[in-house]
Structures are given as C-alpha cells and as structure tokens.
C-alpha atoms as a PDB file:
ATOM      1  CA  MET A   1       6.447 -10.529   1.263  1.00  0.00           C
ATOM      2  CA  ALA A   2       3.582  -7.750   1.451  1.00  0.00           C
ATOM      3  CA  GLN A   3       3.453  -6.294   4.812  1.00  0.00           C
ATOM      4  CA  ASN A   4      -0.230  -7.281   4.996  1.00  0.00           C
ATOM      5  CA  GLU A   5       0.611 -11.016   4.557  1.00  0.00           C
ATOM      6  CA  LEU A   6       0.667 -13.242   7.604  1.00  0.00           C
ATOM      7  CA  VAL A   7       4.061 -15.196   8.350  1.00  0.00           C
ATOM      8  CA  VAL A   8       3.179 -18.583   7.859  1.00  0.00           C
ATOM      9  CA  VAL A   9       5.166 -21.491   9.860  1.00  0.00           C
ATOM     10  CA  GLY A  10       5.139 -25.216   8.673  1.00  0.00           C
ATOM     11  CA  ILE A  11       5.124 -27.612  11.727  1.00  0.00           C
ATOM     12  CA  ASP A  12       5.980 -31.342  11.606  1.00  0.00           C
ATOM     13  CA  VAL A  13       4.495 -32.976  14.470  1.00  0.00           C
ATOM     14  CA  THR A  14       5.631 -36.145  15.720  1.00  0.00           C
ATOM     15  CA  LYS A  15       5.433 -38.264  19.491  1.00  0.00           C
ATOM     16  CA  ASP A  16       8.669 -36.529  21.139  1.00  0.00           C
ATOM     17  CA  LYS A  17       9.275 -33.115  18.922  1.00  0.00           C
ATOM     18  CA  VAL A  18       8.019 -30.969  16.382  1.00  0.00           C
ATOM     19  CA  ASP A  19      10.082 -29.223  13.733  1.00  0.00           C
ATOM     20  CA  ALA A  20       9.184 -25.969  12.734  1.00  0.00           C
ATOM     21  CA  CYS A  21      10.217 -24.094   9.266  1.00  0.00           C
ATOM     22  CA  ILE A  22       9.268 -20.457   8.596  1.00  0.00           C
ATOM     23  CA  ARG A  23      10.443 -20.841   4.651  1.00  0.00           C
ATOM     24  CA  SER A  24       9.841 -16.968   3.987  1.00  0.00           C
ATOM     25  CA  LEU A  25      12.576 -16.369   6.733  1.00  0.00           C
ATOM     26  CA  SER A  26      15.097 -19.165   5.925  1.00  0.00           C
ATOM     27  CA  GLN A  27      14.261 -20.028   9.685  1.00  0.00           C
ATOM     28  CA  ARG A  28      14.324 -23.832  11.168  1.00  0.00           C
ATOM     29  CA  GLN A  29      14.227 -24.976  14.560  1.00  0.00           C
ATOM     30  CA  THR A  30      13.151 -28.436  16.690  1.00  0.00           C
ATOM     31  CA  PHE A  31      11.396 -27.925  19.868  1.00  0.00           C
ATOM     32  CA  PRO A  32      10.683 -31.193  22.258  1.00  0.00           C
ATOM     33  CA  SER A  33       7.278 -32.317  23.486  1.00  0.00           C
ATOM     34  CA  THR A  34       7.835 -30.823  27.027  1.00  0.00           C
ATOM     35  CA  ALA A  35       6.611 -27.740  28.809  1.00  0.00           C
ATOM     36  CA  GLU A  36       9.718 -25.998  28.141  1.00  0.00           C
ATOM     37  CA  GLY A  37       9.711 -26.751  24.347  1.00  0.00           C
ATOM     38  CA  ARG A  38       6.416 -25.483  24.033  1.00  0.00           C
ATOM     39  CA  ARG A  39       6.760 -22.339  25.641  1.00  0.00           C
ATOM     40  CA  ALA A  40      10.218 -21.984  23.517  1.00  0.00           C
ATOM     41  CA  LEU A  41       8.138 -22.402  20.217  1.00  0.00           C
ATOM     42  CA  ILE A  42       5.907 -19.601  21.158  1.00  0.00           C
ATOM     43  CA  ARG A  43       8.739 -17.404  22.066  1.00  0.00           C
ATOM     44  CA  TRP A  44      10.440 -18.187  18.936  1.00  0.00           C
ATOM     45  CA  LEU A  45       7.205 -17.837  16.554  1.00  0.00           C
ATOM     46  CA  ARG A  46       6.634 -14.275  18.261  1.00  0.00           C
ATOM     47  CA  LYS A  47      10.241 -13.423  17.764  1.00  0.00           C
ATOM     48  CA  HIS A  48       9.754 -13.676  13.914  1.00  0.00           C
ATOM     49  CA  LYS A  49       5.943 -12.406  14.064  1.00  0.00           C
ATOM     50  CA  VAL A  50       4.292 -15.352  13.007  1.00  0.00           C
ATOM     51  CA  GLY A  51       0.540 -15.198  12.344  1.00  0.00           C
ATOM     52  CA  LYS A  52      -0.314 -18.514  10.689  1.00  0.00           C
ATOM     53  CA  ALA A  53       0.868 -22.195  11.609  1.00  0.00           C
ATOM     54  CA  ALA A  54       0.183 -24.901   9.670  1.00  0.00           C
ATOM     55  CA  MET A  55       0.448 -28.490  10.764  1.00  0.00           C
ATOM     56  CA  GLU A  56      -0.470 -32.219   9.061  1.00  0.00           C
ATOM     57  CA  ALA A  57      -3.067 -34.302  10.666  1.00  0.00           C
ATOM     58  CA  SER A  58      -0.660 -36.720  12.976  1.00  0.00           C
ATOM     59  CA  GLY A  59      -3.197 -39.211  14.504  1.00  0.00           C
ATOM     60  CA  GLY A  60      -4.039 -36.975  17.439  1.00  0.00           C
ATOM     61  CA  TYR A  61      -0.598 -35.685  18.407  1.00  0.00           C
ATOM     62  CA  GLU A  62      -1.279 -32.044  16.626  1.00  0.00           C
ATOM     63  CA  ARG A  63      -4.128 -31.439  18.843  1.00  0.00           C
ATOM     64  CA  ASP A  64      -2.322 -30.268  22.007  1.00  0.00           C
ATOM     65  CA  TRP A  65      -0.026 -28.087  19.748  1.00  0.00           C
ATOM     66  CA  ALA A  66      -2.819 -26.770  17.873  1.00  0.00           C
ATOM     67  CA  LYS A  67      -4.360 -25.485  20.918  1.00  0.00           C
ATOM     68  CA  LEU A  68      -1.333 -24.238  22.156  1.00  0.00           C
ATOM     69  CA  LEU A  69      -1.018 -21.891  19.068  1.00  0.00           C
ATOM     70  CA  ARG A  70      -4.324 -20.780  19.124  1.00  0.00           C
ATOM     71  CA  GLU A  71      -3.929 -19.869  22.681  1.00  0.00           C
ATOM     72  CA  ALA A  72      -0.964 -17.857  21.670  1.00  0.00           C
ATOM     73  CA  ARG A  73      -3.393 -15.889  18.986  1.00  0.00           C
ATOM     74  CA  ILE A  74      -1.767 -17.915  16.103  1.00  0.00           C
ATOM     75  CA  GLU A  75      -4.099 -18.948  13.419  1.00  0.00           C
ATOM     76  CA  VAL A  76      -4.130 -22.706  12.873  1.00  0.00           C
ATOM     77  CA  ARG A  77      -4.446 -24.523   9.333  1.00  0.00           C
ATOM     78  CA  ILE A  78      -4.734 -28.224   9.503  1.00  0.00           C
ATOM     79  CA  VAL A  79      -3.881 -29.607   6.064  1.00  0.00           C
ATOM     80  CA  ASP A  80      -4.147 -33.171   4.386  1.00  0.00           C
ATOM     81  CA  PRO A  81      -1.069 -34.966   4.769  1.00  0.00           C
ATOM     82  CA  LYS A  82      -1.718 -36.859   1.427  1.00  0.00           C
ATOM     83  CA  ARG A  83      -2.144 -33.491  -0.272  1.00  0.00           C
ATOM     84  CA  VAL A  84       1.320 -32.075   1.100  1.00  0.00           C
ATOM     85  CA  ARG A  85       3.180 -35.120   0.016  1.00  0.00           C
ATOM     86  CA  SER A  86       1.672 -34.751  -3.570  1.00  0.00           C
ATOM     87  CA  PHE A  87       2.518 -31.234  -3.637  1.00  0.00           C
ATOM     88  CA  ALA A  88       6.378 -32.197  -2.733  1.00  0.00           C
ATOM     89  CA  GLN A  89       6.589 -34.836  -5.170  1.00  0.00           C
ATOM     90  CA  SER A  90       5.137 -32.213  -7.896  1.00  0.00           C
ATOM     91  CA  ALA A  91       7.997 -29.875  -6.974  1.00  0.00           C
ATOM     92  CA  GLY A  92      10.399 -32.582  -7.473  1.00  0.00           C
ATOM     93  CA  ARG A  93      11.107 -33.040  -3.669  1.00  0.00           C
ATOM     94  CA  LEU A  94      11.664 -36.810  -3.228  1.00  0.00           C
ATOM     95  CA  ALA A  95      13.545 -36.800  -0.095  1.00  0.00           C
ATOM     96  CA  LYS A  96      11.467 -37.234   3.266  1.00  0.00           C
ATOM     97  CA  ASN A  97      12.382 -36.116   6.554  1.00  0.00           C
ATOM     98  CA  ASP A  98      10.931 -34.097   9.540  1.00  0.00           C
ATOM     99  CA  ALA A  99      13.006 -30.966   8.452  1.00  0.00           C
ATOM    100  CA  ILE A 100      11.867 -31.605   5.197  1.00  0.00           C
ATOM    101  CA  ASP A 101       8.234 -32.245   5.927  1.00  0.00           C
ATOM    102  CA  ALA A 102       8.070 -29.065   8.206  1.00  0.00           C
ATOM    103  CA  GLU A 103       9.382 -26.766   4.729  1.00  0.00           C
ATOM    104  CA  MET A 104       6.706 -28.557   2.329  1.00  0.00           C
ATOM    105  CA  ILE A 105       3.771 -27.882   4.817  1.00  0.00           C
ATOM    106  CA  ALA A 106       5.256 -24.371   5.043  1.00  0.00           C
ATOM    107  CA  TRP A 107       5.455 -24.005   0.990  1.00  0.00           C
ATOM    108  CA  PHE A 108       1.892 -25.833   0.656  1.00  0.00           C
ATOM    109  CA  ALA A 109       0.179 -22.979   3.239  1.00  0.00           C
ATOM    110  CA  GLU A 110       1.617 -20.156   1.328  1.00  0.00           C
ATOM    111  CA  THR A 111       0.639 -21.579  -2.162  1.00  0.00           C
ATOM    112  CA  PHE A 112      -2.757 -22.686  -1.152  1.00  0.00           C
ATOM    113  CA  THR A 113      -4.196 -19.847   0.932  1.00  0.00           C
ATOM    114  CA  ASP A 114      -7.542 -20.478  -0.013  1.00  0.00           C
ATOM    115  CA  ALA A 115      -8.587 -22.487   3.109  1.00  0.00           C
ATOM    116  CA  PRO A 116      -8.663 -20.870   6.271  1.00  0.00           C
ATOM    117  CA  GLY A 117      -7.528 -21.747   9.722  1.00  0.00           C
ATOM    118  CA  GLN A 118     -10.230 -23.749  11.639  1.00  0.00           C
ATOM    119  CA  ALA A 119     -12.047 -21.863  14.365  1.00  0.00           C
ATOM    120  CA  TYR A 120     -11.259 -24.259  17.591  1.00  0.00           C
ATOM    121  CA  ASP A 121     -14.698 -25.629  19.077  1.00  0.00           C
ATOM    122  CA  ALA A 122     -13.468 -27.828  22.297  1.00  0.00           C
ATOM    123  CA  GLU A 123     -16.796 -29.337  22.383  1.00  0.00           C
ATOM    124  CA  ARG A 124     -16.920 -30.543  18.947  1.00  0.00           C
ATOM    125  CA  GLU A 125     -13.184 -31.880  19.454  1.00  0.00           C
ATOM    126  CA  LYS A 126     -14.613 -33.629  22.104  1.00  0.00           C
ATOM    127  CA  LEU A 127     -17.400 -35.045  20.215  1.00  0.00           C
ATOM    128  CA  VAL A 128     -15.244 -35.933  17.492  1.00  0.00           C
ATOM    129  CA  GLN A 129     -13.013 -38.254  19.852  1.00  0.00           C
ATOM    130  CA  ILE A 130     -15.770 -39.814  21.275  1.00  0.00           C
ATOM    131  CA  VAL A 131     -17.650 -40.513  17.687  1.00  0.00           C
ATOM    132  CA  ASN A 132     -14.220 -41.989  16.574  1.00  0.00           C
ATOM    133  CA  ALA A 133     -13.784 -43.985  19.742  1.00  0.00           C
ATOM    134  CA  ARG A 134     -17.398 -45.592  19.205  1.00  0.00           C
ATOM    135  CA  GLN A 135     -16.348 -46.419  15.189  1.00  0.00           C
ATOM    136  CA  ALA A 136     -13.034 -47.641  16.465  1.00  0.00           C
ATOM    137  CA  LEU A 137     -14.885 -50.377  18.909  1.00  0.00           C
ATOM    138  CA  LEU A 138     -17.259 -51.696  15.837  1.00  0.00           C
ATOM    139  CA  ASP A 139     -14.410 -52.047  13.707  1.00  0.00           C
ATOM    140  CA  VAL A 140     -13.077 -54.398  16.407  1.00  0.00           C
ATOM    141  CA  GLN A 141     -16.525 -55.979  16.893  1.00  0.00           C
ATOM    142  CA  THR A 142     -16.928 -56.438  13.279  1.00  0.00           C
ATOM    143  CA  SER A 143     -13.476 -58.127  13.304  1.00  0.00           C
ATOM    144  CA  LEU A 144     -14.260 -60.494  16.285  1.00  0.00           C
ATOM    145  CA  GLN A 145     -17.666 -61.730  14.413  1.00  0.00           C
ATOM    146  CA  ASN A 146     -15.938 -62.423  11.141  1.00  0.00           C
ATOM    147  CA  ARG A 147     -13.586 -64.680  13.143  1.00  0.00           C
ATOM    148  CA  SER A 148     -16.343 -66.167  15.011  1.00  0.00           C
ATOM    149  CA  GLU A 149     -17.913 -67.692  11.599  1.00  0.00           C
ATOM    150  CA  HIS A 150     -15.016 -69.996  11.492  1.00  0.00           C
ATOM    151  CA  SER A 151     -14.611 -72.956  13.519  1.00  0.00           C
ATOM    152  CA  ALA A 152     -12.136 -72.369  16.476  1.00  0.00           C
ATOM    153  CA  PRO A 153     -11.445 -74.182  19.849  1.00  0.00           C
ATOM    154  CA  ASP A 154     -14.019 -73.920  22.937  1.00  0.00           C
ATOM    155  CA  VAL A 155     -11.903 -71.535  24.646  1.00  0.00           C
ATOM    156  CA  VAL A 156     -11.293 -69.376  21.665  1.00  0.00           C
ATOM    157  CA  GLN A 157     -14.911 -68.987  21.011  1.00  0.00           C
ATOM    158  CA  LYS A 158     -15.805 -68.116  24.591  1.00  0.00           C
ATOM    159  CA  THR A 159     -13.207 -65.732  24.761  1.00  0.00           C
ATOM    160  CA  GLN A 160     -14.399 -64.187  21.570  1.00  0.00           C
ATOM    161  CA  ALA A 161     -18.117 -64.138  22.879  1.00  0.00           C
ATOM    162  CA  ARG A 162     -17.237 -62.593  26.241  1.00  0.00           C
ATOM    163  CA  LEU A 163     -15.395 -59.844  24.202  1.00  0.00           C
ATOM    164  CA  LEU A 164     -18.440 -59.186  21.951  1.00  0.00           C
ATOM    165  CA  LYS A 165     -20.462 -58.387  24.988  1.00  0.00           C
ATOM    166  CA  ARG A 166     -18.108 -56.361  26.571  1.00  0.00           C
ATOM    167  CA  ILE A 167     -17.845 -54.561  23.398  1.00  0.00           C
ATOM    168  CA  ALA A 168     -21.330 -53.952  22.782  1.00  0.00           C
ATOM    169  CA  ARG A 169     -21.492 -52.816  26.393  1.00  0.00           C
ATOM    170  CA  GLU A 170     -19.083 -49.917  25.934  1.00  0.00           C
ATOM    171  CA  VAL A 171     -20.523 -48.987  22.505  1.00  0.00           C
ATOM    172  CA  ALA A 172     -23.823 -48.586  24.040  1.00  0.00           C
ATOM    173  CA  LYS A 173     -21.769 -45.990  26.789  1.00  0.00           C
ATOM    174  CA  LEU A 174     -20.100 -44.243  24.155  1.00  0.00           C
ATOM    175  CA  GLU A 175     -23.621 -43.709  22.456  1.00  0.00           C
ATOM    176  CA  ALA A 176     -25.322 -42.446  25.618  1.00  0.00           C
ATOM    177  CA  ALA A 177     -22.305 -40.375  26.120  1.00  0.00           C
ATOM    178  CA  ILE A 178     -22.755 -38.906  22.334  1.00  0.00           C
ATOM    179  CA  THR A 179     -26.517 -38.433  23.082  1.00  0.00           C
ATOM    180  CA  ALA A 180     -26.039 -36.548  26.290  1.00  0.00           C
ATOM    181  CA  MET A 181     -23.298 -34.362  24.950  1.00  0.00           C
ATOM    182  CA  ILE A 182     -25.308 -33.224  21.912  1.00  0.00           C
ATOM    183  CA  LYS A 183     -28.351 -32.714  24.215  1.00  0.00           C
ATOM    184  CA  ALA A 184     -26.371 -30.317  26.634  1.00  0.00           C
ATOM    185  CA  ALA A 185     -25.054 -28.402  23.632  1.00  0.00           C
ATOM    186  CA  PRO A 186     -27.745 -26.164  22.098  1.00  0.00           C
ATOM    187  CA  HIS A 187     -26.162 -25.459  18.776  1.00  0.00           C
ATOM    188  CA  PHE A 188     -25.682 -29.591  18.796  1.00  0.00           C
ATOM    189  CA  ALA A 189     -28.922 -30.019  19.419  1.00  0.00           C
ATOM    190  CA  GLU A 190     -30.523 -27.699  16.854  1.00  0.00           C
ATOM    191  CA  LEU A 191     -28.106 -29.650  14.270  1.00  0.00           C
ATOM    192  CA  ALA A 192     -29.370 -33.107  15.019  1.00  0.00           C
ATOM    193  CA  GLU A 193     -32.922 -32.024  15.262  1.00  0.00           C
ATOM    194  CA  ILE A 194     -32.550 -30.664  11.630  1.00  0.00           C
ATOM    195  CA  ILE A 195     -30.488 -33.761  10.840  1.00  0.00           C
ATOM    196  CA  GLU A 196     -32.536 -36.250  12.231  1.00  0.00           C
ATOM    197  CA  SER A 197     -36.038 -34.750  10.439  1.00  0.00           C
ATOM    198  CA  VAL A 198     -34.925 -36.454   7.386  1.00  0.00           C
ATOM    199  CA  PRO A 199     -36.279 -39.905   6.963  1.00  0.00           C
ATOM    200  CA  GLY A 200     -34.022 -42.319   7.217  1.00  0.00           C
ATOM    201  CA  LEU A 201     -31.411 -40.530   9.239  1.00  0.00           C
ATOM    202  CA  GLY A 202     -30.985 -41.330  12.977  1.00  0.00           C
ATOM    203  CA  LYS A 203     -28.819 -40.064  15.910  1.00  0.00           C
ATOM    204  CA  VAL A 204     -25.672 -42.131  14.747  1.00  0.00           C
ATOM    205  CA  THR A 205     -25.403 -40.168  11.253  1.00  0.00           C
ATOM    206  CA  SER A 206     -26.321 -36.737  13.013  1.00  0.00           C
ATOM    207  CA  ALA A 207     -23.571 -37.369  15.068  1.00  0.00           C
ATOM    208  CA  ALA A 208     -21.062 -38.288  12.826  1.00  0.00           C
ATOM    209  CA  LEU A 209     -22.132 -35.440  10.488  1.00  0.00           C
ATOM    210  CA  ILE A 210     -21.917 -32.840  13.588  1.00  0.00           C
ATOM    211  CA  ALA A 211     -18.379 -33.905  14.293  1.00  0.00           C
ATOM    212  CA  ALA A 212     -16.893 -34.627  11.355  1.00  0.00           C
ATOM    213  CA  MET A 213     -18.289 -31.961   8.991  1.00  0.00           C
ATOM    214  CA  PRO A 214     -18.816 -28.706  10.971  1.00  0.00           C
ATOM    215  CA  GLU A 215     -18.985 -26.881   7.488  1.00  0.00           C
ATOM    216  CA  LEU A 216     -22.367 -27.762   6.463  1.00  0.00           C
ATOM    217  CA  GLY A 217     -24.612 -24.653   6.340  1.00  0.00           C
ATOM    218  CA  GLN A 218     -21.396 -22.398   5.751  1.00  0.00           C
ATOM    219  CA  VAL A 219     -19.942 -23.654   2.279  1.00  0.00           C
ATOM    220  CA  SER A 220     -21.458 -24.227  -0.833  1.00  0.00           C
ATOM    221  CA  ASN A 221     -23.073 -27.451  -2.204  1.00  0.00           C
ATOM    222  CA  ASN A 222     -19.948 -27.848  -4.338  1.00  0.00           C
ATOM    223  CA  ILE A 223     -17.104 -27.865  -1.712  1.00  0.00           C
ATOM    224  CA  ALA A 224     -20.094 -29.979   0.765  1.00  0.00           C
ATOM    225  CA  THR A 225     -19.831 -32.864  -1.954  1.00  0.00           C
ATOM    226  CA  ALA A 226     -16.175 -32.614  -2.014  1.00  0.00           C
ATOM    227  CA  LEU A 227     -15.822 -32.572   1.552  1.00  0.00           C
ATOM    228  CA  LEU A 228     -17.707 -35.615   2.023  1.00  0.00           C
ATOM    229  CA  GLY A 229     -15.767 -37.328  -0.988  1.00  0.00           C
ATOM    230  CA  VAL A 230     -18.810 -37.877  -3.699  1.00  0.00           C
ATOM    231  CA  ALA A 231     -18.135 -34.833  -6.082  1.00  0.00           C
ATOM    232  CA  PRO A 232     -17.753 -36.508  -9.779  1.00  0.00           C
ATOM    233  CA  TYR A 233     -14.359 -35.686 -11.374  1.00  0.00           C
ATOM    234  CA  ASP A 234     -13.609 -35.668 -14.791  1.00  0.00           C
ATOM    235  CA  ASP A 235     -11.252 -37.838 -16.417  1.00  0.00           C
ATOM    236  CA  ASP A 236     -10.934 -36.631 -20.107  1.00  0.00           C
ATOM    237  CA  SER A 237      -8.234 -35.871 -22.395  1.00  0.00           C
ATOM    238  CA  GLY A 238      -8.301 -34.686 -25.742  1.00  0.00           C
ATOM    239  CA  GLN A 239     -11.164 -36.576 -27.582  1.00  0.00           C
ATOM    240  CA  ARG A 240     -11.313 -39.021 -24.777  1.00  0.00           C
ATOM    241  CA  ARG A 241     -13.764 -38.636 -22.484  1.00  0.00           C
ATOM    242  CA  GLY A 242     -13.443 -40.952 -19.635  1.00  0.00           C
ATOM    243  CA  ASP A 243     -15.790 -42.212 -16.933  1.00  0.00           C
ATOM    244  CA  ARG A 244     -16.353 -39.726 -13.725  1.00  0.00           C
ATOM    245  CA  HIS A 245     -15.433 -40.840 -10.456  1.00  0.00           C
ATOM    246  CA  ILE A 246     -15.612 -39.873  -6.906  1.00  0.00           C
ATOM    247  CA  LYS A 247     -12.202 -39.401  -4.736  1.00  0.00           C
ATOM    248  CA  GLY A 248     -10.879 -37.817  -1.960  1.00  0.00           C
ATOM    249  CA  GLY A 249     -13.162 -36.506   1.174  1.00  0.00           C
ATOM    250  CA  ARG A 250     -13.500 -37.948   4.636  1.00  0.00           C
ATOM    251  CA  ARG A 251     -13.750 -41.257   4.220  1.00  0.00           C
ATOM    252  CA  LYS A 252     -15.162 -42.487   7.542  1.00  0.00           C
ATOM    253  CA  VAL A 253     -18.017 -40.252   7.473  1.00  0.00           C
ATOM    254  CA  ARG A 254     -18.517 -41.165   3.661  1.00  0.00           C
ATOM    255  CA  ASN A 255     -18.723 -44.870   4.928  1.00  0.00           C
ATOM    256  CA  LEU A 256     -21.383 -44.043   7.585  1.00  0.00           C
ATOM    257  CA  PHE A 257     -23.267 -41.815   5.324  1.00  0.00           C
ATOM    258  CA  TYR A 258     -23.547 -44.356   2.418  1.00  0.00           C
ATOM    259  CA  MET A 259     -25.051 -46.924   5.222  1.00  0.00           C
ATOM    260  CA  ALA A 260     -27.589 -44.219   6.154  1.00  0.00           C
ATOM    261  CA  CYS A 261     -28.259 -43.531   2.502  1.00  0.00           C
ATOM    262  CA  LEU A 262     -28.925 -46.992   1.561  1.00  0.00           C
ATOM    263  CA  GLY A 263     -31.494 -47.554   3.914  1.00  0.00           C
ATOM    264  CA  ALA A 264     -32.781 -44.110   2.729  1.00  0.00           C
ATOM    265  CA  ALA A 265     -32.982 -44.697  -0.716  1.00  0.00           C
ATOM    266  CA  THR A 266     -34.218 -48.041  -0.761  1.00  0.00           C
ATOM    267  CA  ARG A 267     -36.834 -47.846   2.001  1.00  0.00           C
ATOM    268  CA  HIS A 268     -37.328 -45.152   4.674  1.00  0.00           C
ATOM    269  CA  ASN A 269     -37.392 -41.954   2.522  1.00  0.00           C
ATOM    270  CA  PRO A 270     -39.832 -41.660  -0.174  1.00  0.00           C
ATOM    271  CA  VAL A 271     -38.445 -38.668  -1.936  1.00  0.00           C
ATOM    272  CA  LEU A 272     -34.896 -40.322  -2.175  1.00  0.00           C
ATOM    273  CA  LYS A 273     -36.180 -43.738  -2.810  1.00  0.00           C
ATOM    274  CA  ALA A 274     -38.080 -41.962  -5.980  1.00  0.00           C
ATOM    275  CA  PHE A 275     -35.014 -40.790  -7.120  1.00  0.00           C
ATOM    276  CA  TYR A 276     -32.921 -43.686  -6.842  1.00  0.00           C
ATOM    277  CA  ASP A 277     -35.455 -45.350  -8.431  1.00  0.00           C
ATOM    278  CA  ARG A 278     -35.683 -43.395 -11.250  1.00  0.00           C
ATOM    279  CA  LEU A 279     -31.702 -43.864 -11.797  1.00  0.00           C
ATOM    280  CA  ILE A 280     -32.151 -47.395 -11.716  1.00  0.00           C
ATOM    281  CA  ALA A 281     -34.667 -47.228 -14.397  1.00  0.00           C
ATOM    282  CA  LYS A 282     -32.444 -45.210 -16.625  1.00  0.00           C
ATOM    283  CA  GLY A 283     -29.989 -47.963 -16.525  1.00  0.00           C
ATOM    284  CA  LYS A 284     -27.314 -46.757 -13.515  1.00  0.00           C
ATOM    285  CA  GLU A 285     -25.772 -49.098 -11.623  1.00  0.00           C
ATOM    286  CA  PRO A 286     -27.073 -49.585  -7.979  1.00  0.00           C
ATOM    287  CA  LYS A 287     -23.949 -47.997  -6.319  1.00  0.00           C
ATOM    288  CA  VAL A 288     -23.810 -45.119  -8.979  1.00  0.00           C
ATOM    289  CA  ALA A 289     -27.552 -44.332  -8.049  1.00  0.00           C
ATOM    290  CA  LEU A 290     -26.778 -44.878  -4.489  1.00  0.00           C
ATOM    291  CA  THR A 291     -23.759 -42.322  -4.843  1.00  0.00           C
ATOM    292  CA  ALA A 292     -25.796 -39.760  -6.539  1.00  0.00           C
ATOM    293  CA  CYS A 293     -28.267 -40.123  -3.743  1.00  0.00           C
ATOM    294  CA  MET A 294     -25.510 -39.205  -1.303  1.00  0.00           C
ATOM    295  CA  ARG A 295     -24.511 -36.262  -3.261  1.00  0.00           C
ATOM    296  CA  LYS A 296     -28.214 -35.174  -3.475  1.00  0.00           C
ATOM    297  CA  LEU A 297     -28.979 -35.632   0.293  1.00  0.00           C
ATOM    298  CA  ILE A 298     -25.854 -33.746   1.631  1.00  0.00           C
ATOM    299  CA  CYS A 299     -26.631 -30.792  -0.850  1.00  0.00           C
ATOM    300  CA  ILE A 300     -30.060 -30.945   0.769  1.00  0.00           C
ATOM    301  CA  LEU A 301     -28.642 -31.050   4.154  1.00  0.00           C
ATOM    302  CA  ASN A 302     -26.226 -28.238   3.577  1.00  0.00           C
ATOM    303  CA  THR A 303     -29.371 -26.224   2.440  1.00  0.00           C
ATOM    304  CA  MET A 304     -31.441 -27.147   5.209  1.00  0.00           C
ATOM    305  CA  ILE A 305     -28.731 -26.124   7.751  1.00  0.00           C
ATOM    306  CA  ALA A 306     -27.813 -23.065   6.303  1.00  0.00           C
ATOM    307  CA  ARG A 307     -31.773 -22.114   6.335  1.00  0.00           C
ATOM    308  CA  ARG A 308     -32.026 -23.850   9.532  1.00  0.00           C
ATOM    309  CA  GLU A 309     -35.316 -25.493   8.572  1.00  0.00           C
ATOM    310  CA  LYS A 310     -36.404 -29.377   9.218  1.00  0.00           C
ATOM    311  CA  TRP A 311     -37.004 -31.797   6.200  1.00  0.00           C
ATOM    312  CA  ASP A 312     -40.248 -30.567   4.318  1.00  0.00           C
ATOM    313  CA  THR A 313     -41.220 -33.358   1.495  1.00  0.00           C
ATOM    314  CA  THR A 314     -42.812 -30.819  -0.734  1.00  0.00           C
ATOM    315  CA  ARG A 315     -39.637 -28.689  -0.725  1.00  0.00           C
ATOM    316  CA  TYR A 316     -37.258 -31.050  -1.764  1.00  0.00           C
ATOM    317  CA  LYS A 317     -39.555 -33.213  -3.633  1.00  0.00           C
ATOM    318  CA  MET A 318     -37.075 -34.339  -6.662  1.00  0.00           C
ATOM    319  CA  SER A 319     -39.627 -34.127  -9.336  1.00  0.00           C
ATOM    320  CA  ASP A 320     -39.812 -30.362  -9.234  1.00  0.00           C
ATOM    321  CA  PRO A 321     -37.014 -29.111 -11.020  1.00  0.00           C
ATOM    322  CA  ALA A 322     -37.371 -25.340  -9.268  1.00  0.00           C
ATOM    323  CA  ARG A 323     -36.729 -26.716  -6.027  1.00  0.00           C
ATOM    324  CA  LEU A 324     -33.545 -28.943  -6.584  1.00  0.00           C
ATOM    325  CA  PRO A 325     -30.201 -28.034  -5.157  1.00  0.00           C
ATOM    326  CA  PRO A 326     -27.855 -26.449  -7.416  1.00  0.00           C
ATOM    327  CA  SER A 327     -26.989 -28.511 -10.815  1.00  0.00           C
ATOM    328  CA  ALA A 328     -23.450 -29.622  -9.453  1.00  0.00           C
ATOM    329  CA  CYS A 329     -25.402 -31.983  -7.067  1.00  0.00           C
ATOM    330  CA  THR A 330     -27.836 -33.637  -9.733  1.00  0.00           C
ATOM    331  CA  ALA A 331     -26.783 -37.118 -11.225  1.00  0.00           C
END
C-alpha cells in the first residue's frame, strides 16, 4: 500500500454489535454496541492508523457509529448493500455472515475509491428522518384507505376511520415541522426557494430533494440523473440493440419526483408540458415520456442550484437547443 493511501476498515453493523475488518492488514475484530465497545473500536482503529471507514446503510443502526467515527476524524463512506453483495458474488464469495460482510465492505471500498466520504450534516440528517417518518405514515394511510374500500364489520370500519383521522393529524404535524426546519436553516431555505420556483414543484418535493439529494448542484448532470434513478442504461450485445432502461437510484425520492413531474408535465409547467406533448406526438409511451421529463427536470434543477438561480421560462425553454442541459439528459 502506498504511503499516501488511507487505511480502510470495513464495518458490518447490526443491532447489538459491529464486525470490523482491515483487509490490507489482515486484522478483524468484533465490538459490542455499548459505550465501552465504541471506545474500544476507536482505540483499535487508531492503533492501526485507519483513515477511512466504509459501512452499509442498515436501517439506521449505522448512524450512531458513523457519528462516532466522524468525531474521531475518520472519513466515513456509507455504501449500497446491493452493490457490495453483487461485488462479493462477482468475486465468487457466496457465503455470507457478519465477518465476511465486513471483509467484503472493506474490499469494495478499496476497489471503488471514486466516491468520497459524506460530510456529516446534523440538520440534514434530522430532516431526512422527519421526511421518512412522514412518508411512512402516508404508506400506512394508503394501506388503510385500500382496506376501507372493502366491506367490513362496523367496528372495523370505525377503527379504520379513527386511525385515518389520527394519521392525517400526525402527517400535518410532521409537515409543519419540516416547513419550520427548512425556514430556520438559511441553506435549506435558499434551496427550497430555488426548487419551489419551478412551476409544479411544491414544499413536499423540495423537502424530499433537500433531504435525499444533497449532491444537487455539486455533481454533473449524468451523476444527478443516476442518483435519482432516471438515467437510461444500454442493453446491447453484438449486433443486438436492446431497449434502454432506467435502474438503480434512490427509489423513495424518485417515486415522489415522479408524481410531481406527472402534474408538472401534464398541467402546471408550460415548458415541461410542451416537451412532454412533443414526445407523445413522436409516438413515445406516456411513461417513457414522463421519465424523459423527470430526467430533463432533474438536470435543470441541478443547473439552477449550481448557479443559485430561480426558474426562468425563457432560459429553460425546451425549443431552444442552445439552452438545453447536456445531451445525456435529453430524451
């Protein structure tokens, strides 16, 4: 290992413990999720001069450990569990347990070094949790509403009605908290003002983008579309030319952005509607056209945020090729 390279540790996080592996030094250790276990982990990492830690997103259990490592001035990278598992399978590592997972995470981080560690933002972390809690309540609400469409005894119908009213009140409280939090943070408020200047995008969409896509304005349009999960990927082999499909990305924010774009492209945003109508006139399927609108709009938002400018219909008029975002974002 070159002297200027950071020593990397892979950490597999579970509820009661973490398994750590410094693959380059053949060092492995397990630490309990206790105050002493956390102190022992930091001592062990410092002993081996670890500069970067990689761990999978594990339903929230990784947050406290990531905070601990950042406070110890260790760079933290949260990696996608699916990518790590696919990496392990491609290497022929079919067995799976916590110790093996830690080694695979370390190997993955050593192999794919292009993504830097995420800067910790306590305010954004809190916003993410509130936005996710709101969405979880809406999912429960939808489930109850679907059940209420079917016949049921009176006692069940009354219970469902009470729950729906309570959920609606709690959702309103969370939305008020989200609005207050964004207003209180100048950098959030600026982003919200930019995003909400786009016809068809409101407070819910802006909050989701601020929470789930902090990279907007700091990355290329290609990366922005890939993060959202609307980048088209080739499916070719030899003489065969398969259909392009989107895949990957951040599902929750993509689903919400889809609904926002549906209204914007068909009703509320004249510029996006003209683009959508032109694609439909060319014979594109509605969902294909809408996905192209999502791709176009996230590129425009990426540019707007980078330039710190609000929506300008003349600047982003789709009929003017010179003002379009890079070609990777066109339909």
